[in-house]
Amino acid sequence: MASLVAAKLQEERKVLSVTGHFTQFLGYVMNEKTFRGYPADIQKVLTEEAQKAGERMTQTTIENDKKLMEDLRKQGVTVVTDIDTKSFRAATASVYGAFPKWTPGLYAKVRKTLDN
């Protein structure tokens, strides 16, 4: 929601369908060789704290999105949330096959992660 509001898309479009087809995320990035070079106890702390930070960021994003959607409604935007996401996903599934240079199985792996 924040990127939509920052781009002021509500000035031109008055209907927002919350399909969930795009989820922004932030992650910690570290060279694997560097990570593996740390002692096991440090690796454990880094992994645990990254998990906690991810959970907190998710909760913060959900809370902020609710506030932003209410702000959009106040600006005259119709926010549609009763989307049939299963049908939406099925109708767009063929898009992922249009990227032949992707690593084989990448979409399935990402989908499995997102569905958890």
Protein backbone atom coordinates (compact mmCIF):
# COMPACT_ATOMS: atom_id res chain seq x y z
CA MET A 1 0.00 0.00 0.00
CA ALA A 2 2.78 2.42 0.84
CA SER A 3 4.21 2.29 -2.69
CA LEU A 4 0.77 2.94 -4.20
CA VAL A 5 0.20 5.94 -1.95
CA ALA A 6 3.73 7.25 -2.49
CA ALA A 7 3.16 7.14 -6.26
CA LYS A 8 -0.17 8.95 -5.71
CA LEU A 9 -1.98 6.41 -7.86
CA GLN A 10 -5.18 7.25 -6.01
CA GLU A 11 -5.23 10.59 -7.83
CA GLU A 12 -5.91 8.78 -11.13
CA ARG A 13 -7.53 5.50 -10.14
CA LYS A 14 -10.51 5.34 -7.83
CA VAL A 15 -10.80 1.54 -7.49
CA LEU A 16 -8.15 -0.57 -5.80
CA SER A 17 -8.49 -4.35 -5.97
CA VAL A 18 -6.43 -5.99 -3.23
CA THR A 19 -5.39 -9.14 -5.06
CA GLY A 20 -2.28 -9.95 -3.07
CA HIS A 21 -0.41 -10.63 -6.31
CA PHE A 22 2.48 -8.47 -5.22
CA THR A 23 4.09 -8.69 -1.82
CA GLN A 24 6.99 -6.47 -1.03
CA PHE A 25 9.58 -7.88 1.28
CA LEU A 26 12.88 -6.93 2.77
CA GLY A 27 15.50 -9.42 3.66
CA TYR A 28 18.90 -9.63 5.11
CA VAL A 29 21.50 -10.39 2.52
CA MET A 30 24.86 -11.87 3.38
CA ASN A 31 27.48 -13.72 1.45
CA GLU A 32 27.07 -17.42 2.22
CA LYS A 33 30.81 -17.93 2.61
CA THR A 34 30.95 -15.13 5.18
CA PHE A 35 27.92 -16.52 7.03
CA ARG A 36 29.39 -20.02 7.12
CA GLY A 37 32.63 -18.52 8.42
CA TYR A 38 30.93 -17.48 11.65
CA PRO A 39 30.78 -19.90 14.57
CA ALA A 40 27.56 -21.93 14.83
CA ASP A 41 26.29 -19.91 17.80
CA ILE A 42 26.61 -16.65 15.85
CA GLN A 43 24.91 -18.21 12.81
CA LYS A 44 22.08 -19.28 15.11
CA VAL A 45 21.67 -15.79 16.58
CA LEU A 46 21.72 -14.16 13.14
CA THR A 47 19.13 -16.61 11.82
CA GLU A 48 16.85 -16.28 14.86
CA GLU A 49 17.02 -12.48 14.89
CA ALA A 50 16.39 -12.30 11.15
CA GLN A 51 13.28 -14.43 11.67
CA LYS A 52 12.08 -12.16 14.51
CA ALA A 53 12.74 -9.05 12.42
CA GLY A 54 10.81 -10.55 9.51
CA GLU A 55 7.83 -11.31 11.72
CA ARG A 56 7.88 -7.79 13.13
CA MET A 57 8.15 -6.23 9.67
CA THR A 58 5.24 -8.35 8.47
CA GLN A 59 3.08 -7.21 11.39
CA THR A 60 4.09 -3.58 10.86
CA THR A 61 3.29 -3.80 7.15
CA ILE A 62 -0.14 -5.33 7.83
CA GLU A 63 -0.95 -2.60 10.36
CA ASN A 64 0.26 0.17 8.03
CA ASP A 65 -1.65 -1.27 5.08
CA LYS A 66 -4.89 -1.17 7.07
CA LYS A 67 -4.32 2.50 7.91
CA LEU A 68 -3.40 3.35 4.33
CA MET A 69 -6.47 1.59 2.95
CA GLU A 70 -8.64 3.62 5.30
CA ASP A 71 -6.90 6.81 4.15
CA LEU A 72 -7.55 5.80 0.52
CA ARG A 73 -11.22 5.23 1.29
CA LYS A 74 -11.40 8.72 2.81
CA GLN A 75 -9.98 10.05 -0.48
CA GLY A 76 -12.81 8.44 -2.42
CA VAL A 77 -11.09 5.25 -3.48
CA THR A 78 -13.17 2.07 -3.49
CA VAL A 79 -11.05 -0.66 -1.92
CA VAL A 80 -12.16 -4.11 -3.07
CA THR A 81 -10.94 -6.89 -0.79
CA ASP A 82 -13.31 -9.76 -1.60
CA ILE A 83 -11.17 -11.00 -4.46
CA ASP A 84 -11.25 -14.63 -5.59
CA THR A 85 -7.48 -15.00 -5.34
CA LYS A 86 -7.50 -18.69 -6.29
CA SER A 87 -9.12 -17.88 -9.64
CA PHE A 88 -6.83 -14.87 -10.08
CA ARG A 89 -3.79 -17.07 -9.45
CA ALA A 90 -5.06 -19.78 -11.82
CA ALA A 91 -5.78 -17.25 -14.59
CA THR A 92 -2.27 -15.81 -14.39
CA ALA A 93 -0.31 -19.03 -13.79
CA SER A 94 0.83 -19.26 -17.41
CA VAL A 95 2.82 -16.02 -17.01
CA TYR A 96 5.52 -17.83 -15.07
CA GLY A 97 6.18 -20.15 -18.00
CA ALA A 98 6.91 -17.12 -20.18
CA PHE A 99 10.30 -16.68 -18.50
CA PRO A 100 12.32 -19.55 -20.00
CA LYS A 101 15.62 -18.41 -18.51
CA TRP A 102 14.39 -18.75 -14.93
CA THR A 103 15.93 -21.51 -12.88
CA PRO A 104 13.83 -24.65 -13.36
CA GLY A 105 11.47 -25.11 -10.41
CA LEU A 106 12.02 -21.57 -9.10
CA TYR A 107 8.35 -20.59 -9.23
CA ALA A 108 7.27 -23.73 -7.38
CA LYS A 109 9.89 -23.12 -4.71
CA VAL A 110 8.85 -19.49 -4.25
CA ARG A 111 5.15 -20.43 -4.24
CA LYS A 112 5.80 -23.06 -1.56
CA THR A 113 7.58 -20.48 0.60
CA LEU A 114 4.83 -17.87 0.14
CA ASP A 115 2.09 -20.37 0.92
CA ASN A 116 3.59 -21.19 4.33
